[in-house]
Amino acid sequence: MDLIWVIDAKYVEDYKIALTFNDGLQKTVDLKNYLNGEIYEPLNDIDNFQKFHVSDWSVEWSNGADMAPEFLYAL
């Protein structure tokens, strides 16, 4: 399998993000049930959650939280 990475991400609603991957796949993922643990807890605040950006390979937040593109692809 070739390497997968996120090339675009847009906020949809609640904890949902519409993603586009480098192989052309487009999907919307709901991350509400995956915001556990010290680094992800601040993202349960919807205002913090919405402030993501696309890094060189995936979705990332200013507090250092990110999600592996393979994980997002598999959701």
PDB file of N, CA and C in Angstrom:
ATOM      1  N   MET A   1       0.842  -1.190   0.000  1.00  0.00           N
ATOM      2  CA  MET A   1       0.000   0.000   0.000  1.00  0.00           C
ATOM      3  C   MET A   1       0.885   1.251   0.000  1.00  0.00           C
ATOM      4  N   ASP A   2       0.526   2.204  -0.808  1.00  0.00           N
ATOM      5  CA  ASP A   2       1.250   3.471  -0.824  1.00  0.00           C
ATOM      6  C   ASP A   2       0.951   4.249   0.443  1.00  0.00           C
ATOM      7  N   LEU A   3       1.815   5.202   0.742  1.00  0.00           N
ATOM      8  CA  LEU A   3       1.590   6.045   1.905  1.00  0.00           C
ATOM      9  C   LEU A   3       0.353   6.904   1.693  1.00  0.00           C
ATOM     10  N   ILE A   4      -0.414   7.036   2.750  1.00  0.00           N
ATOM     11  CA  ILE A   4      -1.656   7.822   2.726  1.00  0.00           C
ATOM     12  C   ILE A   4      -1.445   9.060   3.585  1.00  0.00           C
ATOM     13  N   TRP A   5      -1.919  10.208   3.081  1.00  0.00           N
ATOM     14  CA  TRP A   5      -1.904  11.397   3.905  1.00  0.00           C
ATOM     15  C   TRP A   5      -3.095  12.275   3.543  1.00  0.00           C
ATOM     16  N   VAL A   6      -3.415  13.167   4.459  1.00  0.00           N
ATOM     17  CA  VAL A   6      -4.546  14.084   4.289  1.00  0.00           C
ATOM     18  C   VAL A   6      -4.070  15.302   3.509  1.00  0.00           C
ATOM     19  N   ILE A   7      -4.806  15.682   2.457  1.00  0.00           N
ATOM     20  CA  ILE A   7      -4.437  16.876   1.697  1.00  0.00           C
ATOM     21  C   ILE A   7      -5.408  18.032   1.921  1.00  0.00           C
ATOM     22  N   ASP A   8      -6.599  17.734   2.472  1.00  0.00           N
ATOM     23  CA  ASP A   8      -7.558  18.796   2.759  1.00  0.00           C
ATOM     24  C   ASP A   8      -8.485  18.343   3.876  1.00  0.00           C
ATOM     25  N   ALA A   9      -8.901  19.285   4.702  1.00  0.00           N
ATOM     26  CA  ALA A   9      -9.831  18.993   5.798  1.00  0.00           C
ATOM     27  C   ALA A   9     -10.702  20.218   6.037  1.00  0.00           C
ATOM     28  N   LYS A  10     -11.989  19.968   6.172  1.00  0.00           N
ATOM     29  CA  LYS A  10     -12.938  21.050   6.425  1.00  0.00           C
ATOM     30  C   LYS A  10     -13.878  20.637   7.558  1.00  0.00           C
ATOM     31  N   TYR A  11     -14.120  21.590   8.441  1.00  0.00           N
ATOM     32  CA  TYR A  11     -15.061  21.349   9.536  1.00  0.00           C
ATOM     33  C   TYR A  11     -16.470  21.206   8.963  1.00  0.00           C
ATOM     34  N   VAL A  12     -17.216  20.203   9.457  1.00  0.00           N
ATOM     35  CA  VAL A  12     -18.588  19.973   9.005  1.00  0.00           C
ATOM     36  C   VAL A  12     -19.566  20.435  10.080  1.00  0.00           C
ATOM     37  N   GLU A  13     -19.597  19.716  11.214  1.00  0.00           N
ATOM     38  CA  GLU A  13     -20.454  20.049  12.358  1.00  0.00           C
ATOM     39  C   GLU A  13     -20.051  19.151  13.512  1.00  0.00           C
ATOM     40  N   ASP A  14     -20.482  19.520  14.710  1.00  0.00           N
ATOM     41  CA  ASP A  14     -20.157  18.742  15.914  1.00  0.00           C
ATOM     42  C   ASP A  14     -18.673  18.375  15.887  1.00  0.00           C
ATOM     43  N   TYR A  15     -18.364  17.085  15.877  1.00  0.00           N
ATOM     44  CA  TYR A  15     -16.969  16.630  15.864  1.00  0.00           C
ATOM     45  C   TYR A  15     -16.645  15.944  14.543  1.00  0.00           C
ATOM     46  N   LYS A  16     -17.264  16.428  13.481  1.00  0.00           N
ATOM     47  CA  LYS A  16     -17.091  15.825  12.160  1.00  0.00           C
ATOM     48  C   LYS A  16     -16.208  16.705  11.273  1.00  0.00           C
ATOM     49  N   ILE A  17     -15.308  16.036  10.566  1.00  0.00           N
ATOM     50  CA  ILE A  17     -14.406  16.698   9.632  1.00  0.00           C
ATOM     51  C   ILE A  17     -14.489  15.977   8.291  1.00  0.00           C
ATOM     52  N   ALA A  18     -14.638  16.742   7.218  1.00  0.00           N
ATOM     53  CA  ALA A  18     -14.604  16.187   5.860  1.00  0.00           C
ATOM     54  C   ALA A  18     -13.148  16.176   5.408  1.00  0.00           C
ATOM     55  N   LEU A  19     -12.668  15.001   5.041  1.00  0.00           N
ATOM     56  CA  LEU A  19     -11.272  14.816   4.678  1.00  0.00           C
ATOM     57  C   LEU A  19     -11.117  14.442   3.212  1.00  0.00           C
ATOM     58  N   THR A  20     -10.023  14.881   2.624  1.00  0.00           N
ATOM     59  CA  THR A  20      -9.615  14.426   1.306  1.00  0.00           C
ATOM     60  C   THR A  20      -8.201  13.873   1.451  1.00  0.00           C
ATOM     61  N   PHE A  21      -8.007  12.657   0.946  1.00  0.00           N
ATOM     62  CA  PHE A  21      -6.715  11.996   1.034  1.00  0.00           C
ATOM     63  C   PHE A  21      -5.977  12.090  -0.299  1.00  0.00           C
ATOM     64  N   ASN A  22      -4.692  11.843  -0.260  1.00  0.00           N
ATOM     65  CA  ASN A  22      -3.859  11.983  -1.453  1.00  0.00           C
ATOM     66  C   ASN A  22      -4.205  11.000  -2.568  1.00  0.00           C
ATOM     67  N   ASP A  23      -4.959   9.940  -2.257  1.00  0.00           N
ATOM     68  CA  ASP A  23      -5.365   9.004  -3.313  1.00  0.00           C
ATOM     69  C   ASP A  23      -6.735   9.369  -3.900  1.00  0.00           C
ATOM     70  N   GLY A  24      -7.290  10.519  -3.457  1.00  0.00           N
ATOM     71  CA  GLY A  24      -8.568  10.988  -3.980  1.00  0.00           C
ATOM     72  C   GLY A  24      -9.771  10.636  -3.134  1.00  0.00           C
ATOM     73  N   LEU A  25      -9.613   9.735  -2.164  1.00  0.00           N
ATOM     74  CA  LEU A  25     -10.744   9.374  -1.303  1.00  0.00           C
ATOM     75  C   LEU A  25     -11.210  10.587  -0.519  1.00  0.00           C
ATOM     76  N   GLN A  26     -12.523  10.794  -0.487  1.00  0.00           N
ATOM     77  CA  GLN A  26     -13.133  11.840   0.320  1.00  0.00           C
ATOM     78  C   GLN A  26     -14.112  11.184   1.274  1.00  0.00           C
ATOM     79  N   LYS A  27     -14.027  11.565   2.545  1.00  0.00           N
ATOM     80  CA  LYS A  27     -14.942  10.991   3.530  1.00  0.00           C
ATOM     81  C   LYS A  27     -15.077  11.947   4.689  1.00  0.00           C
ATOM     82  N   THR A  28     -16.182  11.791   5.411  1.00  0.00           N
ATOM     83  CA  THR A  28     -16.401  12.564   6.625  1.00  0.00           C
ATOM     84  C   THR A  28     -16.247  11.628   7.812  1.00  0.00           C
ATOM     85  N   VAL A  29     -15.428  12.046   8.774  1.00  0.00           N
ATOM     86  CA  VAL A  29     -15.204  11.235   9.966  1.00  0.00           C
ATOM     87  C   VAL A  29     -15.748  11.960  11.185  1.00  0.00           C
ATOM     88  N   ASP A  30     -16.287  11.197  12.121  1.00  0.00           N
ATOM     89  CA  ASP A  30     -16.797  11.724  13.386  1.00  0.00           C
ATOM     90  C   ASP A  30     -15.795  11.312  14.458  1.00  0.00           C
ATOM     91  N   LEU A  31     -15.109  12.273  15.040  1.00  0.00           N
ATOM     92  CA  LEU A  31     -14.030  11.983  15.986  1.00  0.00           C
ATOM     93  C   LEU A  31     -14.455  12.074  17.452  1.00  0.00           C
ATOM     94  N   LYS A  32     -15.732  12.298  17.717  1.00  0.00           N
ATOM     95  CA  LYS A  32     -16.214  12.482  19.090  1.00  0.00           C
ATOM     96  C   LYS A  32     -15.759  11.371  20.028  1.00  0.00           C
ATOM     97  N   ASN A  33     -15.818  10.126  19.601  1.00  0.00           N
ATOM     98  CA  ASN A  33     -15.475   9.004  20.482  1.00  0.00           C
ATOM     99  C   ASN A  33     -13.977   8.738  20.576  1.00  0.00           C
ATOM    100  N   TYR A  34     -13.171   9.566  19.940  1.00  0.00           N
ATOM    101  CA  TYR A  34     -11.720   9.344  19.920  1.00  0.00           C
ATOM    102  C   TYR A  34     -10.945  10.454  20.610  1.00  0.00           C
ATOM    103  N   LEU A  35     -11.638  11.329  21.327  1.00  0.00           N
ATOM    104  CA  LEU A  35     -10.983  12.459  21.982  1.00  0.00           C
ATOM    105  C   LEU A  35     -10.715  12.153  23.450  1.00  0.00           C
ATOM    106  N   ASN A  36     -10.004  11.068  23.691  1.00  0.00           N
ATOM    107  CA  ASN A  36      -9.679  10.623  25.043  1.00  0.00           C
ATOM    108  C   ASN A  36      -8.182  10.734  25.269  1.00  0.00           C
ATOM    109  N   GLY A  37      -7.801  10.887  26.508  1.00  0.00           N
ATOM    110  CA  GLY A  37      -6.392  10.997  26.852  1.00  0.00           C
ATOM    111  C   GLY A  37      -5.982  12.457  26.973  1.00  0.00           C
ATOM    112  N   GLU A  38      -4.886  12.681  27.661  1.00  0.00           N
ATOM    113  CA  GLU A  38      -4.454  14.033  28.026  1.00  0.00           C
ATOM    114  C   GLU A  38      -4.341  14.986  26.840  1.00  0.00           C
ATOM    115  N   ILE A  39      -3.767  14.552  25.744  1.00  0.00           N
ATOM    116  CA  ILE A  39      -3.552  15.432  24.595  1.00  0.00           C
ATOM    117  C   ILE A  39      -4.859  15.757  23.857  1.00  0.00           C
ATOM    118  N   TYR A  40      -5.825  14.839  23.920  1.00  0.00           N
ATOM    119  CA  TYR A  40      -7.078  15.030  23.180  1.00  0.00           C
ATOM    120  C   TYR A  40      -8.193  15.655  24.006  1.00  0.00           C
ATOM    121  N   GLU A  41      -8.100  15.605  25.340  1.00  0.00           N
ATOM    122  CA  GLU A  41      -9.167  16.131  26.208  1.00  0.00           C
ATOM    123  C   GLU A  41      -9.560  17.574  25.874  1.00  0.00           C
ATOM    124  N   PRO A  42      -8.597  18.488  25.631  1.00  0.00           N
ATOM    125  CA  PRO A  42      -8.987  19.871  25.311  1.00  0.00           C
ATOM    126  C   PRO A  42      -9.844  19.980  24.053  1.00  0.00           C
ATOM    127  N   LEU A  43      -9.794  18.985  23.196  1.00  0.00           N
ATOM    128  CA  LEU A  43     -10.553  19.028  21.952  1.00  0.00           C
ATOM    129  C   LEU A  43     -12.019  18.699  22.146  1.00  0.00           C
ATOM    130  N   ASN A  44     -12.389  18.264  23.348  1.00  0.00           N
ATOM    131  CA  ASN A  44     -13.802  18.052  23.647  1.00  0.00           C
ATOM    132  C   ASN A  44     -14.548  19.381  23.718  1.00  0.00           C
ATOM    133  N   ASP A  45     -13.806  20.479  23.887  1.00  0.00           N
ATOM    134  CA  ASP A  45     -14.368  21.820  23.767  1.00  0.00           C
ATOM    135  C   ASP A  45     -14.484  22.087  22.268  1.00  0.00           C
ATOM    136  N   ILE A  46     -15.697  22.225  21.777  1.00  0.00           N
ATOM    137  CA  ILE A  46     -15.938  22.339  20.334  1.00  0.00           C
ATOM    138  C   ILE A  46     -15.175  23.505  19.716  1.00  0.00           C
ATOM    139  N   ASP A  47     -14.980  24.592  20.474  1.00  0.00           N
ATOM    140  CA  ASP A  47     -14.210  25.723  19.944  1.00  0.00           C
ATOM    141  C   ASP A  47     -12.768  25.318  19.672  1.00  0.00           C
ATOM    142  N   ASN A  48     -12.177  24.544  20.570  1.00  0.00           N
ATOM    143  CA  ASN A  48     -10.813  24.043  20.360  1.00  0.00           C
ATOM    144  C   ASN A  48     -10.781  23.042  19.208  1.00  0.00           C
ATOM    145  N   PHE A  49     -11.774  22.176  19.159  1.00  0.00           N
ATOM    146  CA  PHE A  49     -11.809  21.151  18.115  1.00  0.00           C
ATOM    147  C   PHE A  49     -11.803  21.767  16.720  1.00  0.00           C
ATOM    148  N   GLN A  50     -12.555  22.835  16.558  1.00  0.00           N
ATOM    149  CA  GLN A  50     -12.699  23.465  15.245  1.00  0.00           C
ATOM    150  C   GLN A  50     -11.418  24.127  14.751  1.00  0.00           C
ATOM    151  N   LYS A  51     -10.454  24.333  15.608  1.00  0.00           N
ATOM    152  CA  LYS A  51      -9.232  25.064  15.245  1.00  0.00           C
ATOM    153  C   LYS A  51      -8.117  24.137  14.761  1.00  0.00           C
ATOM    154  N   PHE A  52      -8.446  23.199  13.904  1.00  0.00           N
ATOM    155  CA  PHE A  52      -7.429  22.298  13.350  1.00  0.00           C
ATOM    156  C   PHE A  52      -6.883  22.866  12.053  1.00  0.00           C
ATOM    157  N   HIS A  53      -5.791  22.290  11.617  1.00  0.00           N
ATOM    158  CA  HIS A  53      -5.241  22.623  10.307  1.00  0.00           C
ATOM    159  C   HIS A  53      -4.631  21.354   9.709  1.00  0.00           C
ATOM    160  N   VAL A  54      -4.351  21.397   8.430  1.00  0.00           N
ATOM    161  CA  VAL A  54      -3.713  20.258   7.768  1.00  0.00           C
ATOM    162  C   VAL A  54      -2.205  20.493   7.824  1.00  0.00           C
ATOM    163  N   SER A  55      -1.509  19.545   8.441  1.00  0.00           N
ATOM    164  CA  SER A  55      -0.045  19.602   8.477  1.00  0.00           C
ATOM    165  C   SER A  55       0.478  18.998   7.178  1.00  0.00           C
ATOM    166  N   ASP A  56       1.714  18.607   7.168  1.00  0.00           N
ATOM    167  CA  ASP A  56       2.298  17.981   5.979  1.00  0.00           C
ATOM    168  C   ASP A  56       1.664  16.634   5.662  1.00  0.00           C
ATOM    169  N   TRP A  57       0.976  16.030   6.639  1.00  0.00           N
ATOM    170  CA  TRP A  57       0.483  14.667   6.428  1.00  0.00           C
ATOM    171  C   TRP A  57      -0.882  14.367   7.020  1.00  0.00           C
ATOM    172  N   SER A  58      -1.370  15.191   7.958  1.00  0.00           N
ATOM    173  CA  SER A  58      -2.647  14.862   8.600  1.00  0.00           C
ATOM    174  C   SER A  58      -3.290  16.096   9.211  1.00  0.00           C
ATOM    175  N   VAL A  59      -4.304  15.861  10.038  1.00  0.00           N
ATOM    176  CA  VAL A  59      -5.001  16.920  10.761  1.00  0.00           C
ATOM    177  C   VAL A  59      -4.268  17.130  12.080  1.00  0.00           C
ATOM    178  N   GLU A  60      -4.073  18.388  12.448  1.00  0.00           N
ATOM    179  CA  GLU A  60      -3.306  18.719  13.643  1.00  0.00           C
ATOM    180  C   GLU A  60      -3.954  19.905  14.344  1.00  0.00           C
ATOM    181  N   TRP A  61      -3.796  19.954  15.662  1.00  0.00           N
ATOM    182  CA  TRP A  61      -4.306  21.061  16.462  1.00  0.00           C
ATOM    183  C   TRP A  61      -3.138  21.784  17.111  1.00  0.00           C
ATOM    184  N   SER A  62      -3.374  23.004  17.560  1.00  0.00           N
ATOM    185  CA  SER A  62      -2.287  23.841  18.089  1.00  0.00           C
ATOM    186  C   SER A  62      -1.669  23.289  19.377  1.00  0.00           C
ATOM    187  N   ASN A  63      -2.396  22.443  20.110  1.00  0.00           N
ATOM    188  CA  ASN A  63      -1.836  21.881  21.339  1.00  0.00           C
ATOM    189  C   ASN A  63      -0.928  20.674  21.063  1.00  0.00           C
ATOM    190  N   GLY A  64      -0.717  20.354  19.789  1.00  0.00           N
ATOM    191  CA  GLY A  64       0.163  19.237  19.435  1.00  0.00           C
ATOM    192  C   GLY A  64      -0.574  17.949  19.129  1.00  0.00           C
ATOM    193  N   ALA A  65      -1.872  17.919  19.352  1.00  0.00           N
ATOM    194  CA  ALA A  65      -2.662  16.718  19.046  1.00  0.00           C
ATOM    195  C   ALA A  65      -2.737  16.535  17.534  1.00  0.00           C
ATOM    196  N   ASP A  66      -2.653  15.291  17.122  1.00  0.00           N
ATOM    197  CA  ASP A  66      -2.856  14.960  15.713  1.00  0.00           C
ATOM    198  C   ASP A  66      -3.394  13.541  15.634  1.00  0.00           C
ATOM    199  N   MET A  67      -3.785  13.145  14.453  1.00  0.00           N
ATOM    200  CA  MET A  67      -4.301  11.784  14.235  1.00  0.00           C
ATOM    201  C   MET A  67      -3.616  11.216  13.014  1.00  0.00           C
ATOM    202  N   ALA A  68      -3.174   9.979  13.138  1.00  0.00           N
ATOM    203  CA  ALA A  68      -2.486   9.327  12.027  1.00  0.00           C
ATOM    204  C   ALA A  68      -3.408   9.255  10.819  1.00  0.00           C
ATOM    205  N   PRO A  69      -2.908   9.575   9.637  1.00  0.00           N
ATOM    206  CA  PRO A  69      -3.757   9.524   8.457  1.00  0.00           C
ATOM    207  C   PRO A  69      -4.306   8.128   8.183  1.00  0.00           C
ATOM    208  N   GLU A  70      -3.546   7.099   8.523  1.00  0.00           N
ATOM    209  CA  GLU A  70      -4.022   5.726   8.327  1.00  0.00           C
ATOM    210  C   GLU A  70      -5.231   5.429   9.212  1.00  0.00           C
ATOM    211  N   PHE A  71      -5.213   5.981  10.428  1.00  0.00           N
ATOM    212  CA  PHE A  71      -6.341   5.825  11.348  1.00  0.00           C
ATOM    213  C   PHE A  71      -7.576   6.515  10.780  1.00  0.00           C
ATOM    214  N   LEU A  72      -7.416   7.747  10.321  1.00  0.00           N
ATOM    215  CA  LEU A  72      -8.544   8.495   9.750  1.00  0.00           C
ATOM    216  C   LEU A  72      -9.076   7.820   8.505  1.00  0.00           C
ATOM    217  N   TYR A  73      -8.196   7.294   7.696  1.00  0.00           N
ATOM    218  CA  TYR A  73      -8.569   6.614   6.451  1.00  0.00           C
ATOM    219  C   TYR A  73      -9.407   5.377   6.750  1.00  0.00           C
ATOM    220  N   ALA A  74      -9.056   4.674   7.842  1.00  0.00           N
ATOM    221  CA  ALA A  74      -9.725   3.419   8.190  1.00  0.00           C
ATOM    222  C   ALA A  74     -11.090   3.632   8.850  1.00  0.00           C
ATOM    223  N   LEU A  75     -11.342   4.827   9.380  1.00  0.00           N
ATOM    224  CA  LEU A  75     -12.633   5.073  10.056  1.00  0.00           C
ATOM    225  C   LEU A  75     -13.801   4.968   9.083  1.00  0.00           C
TER     226      LEU A  75
END
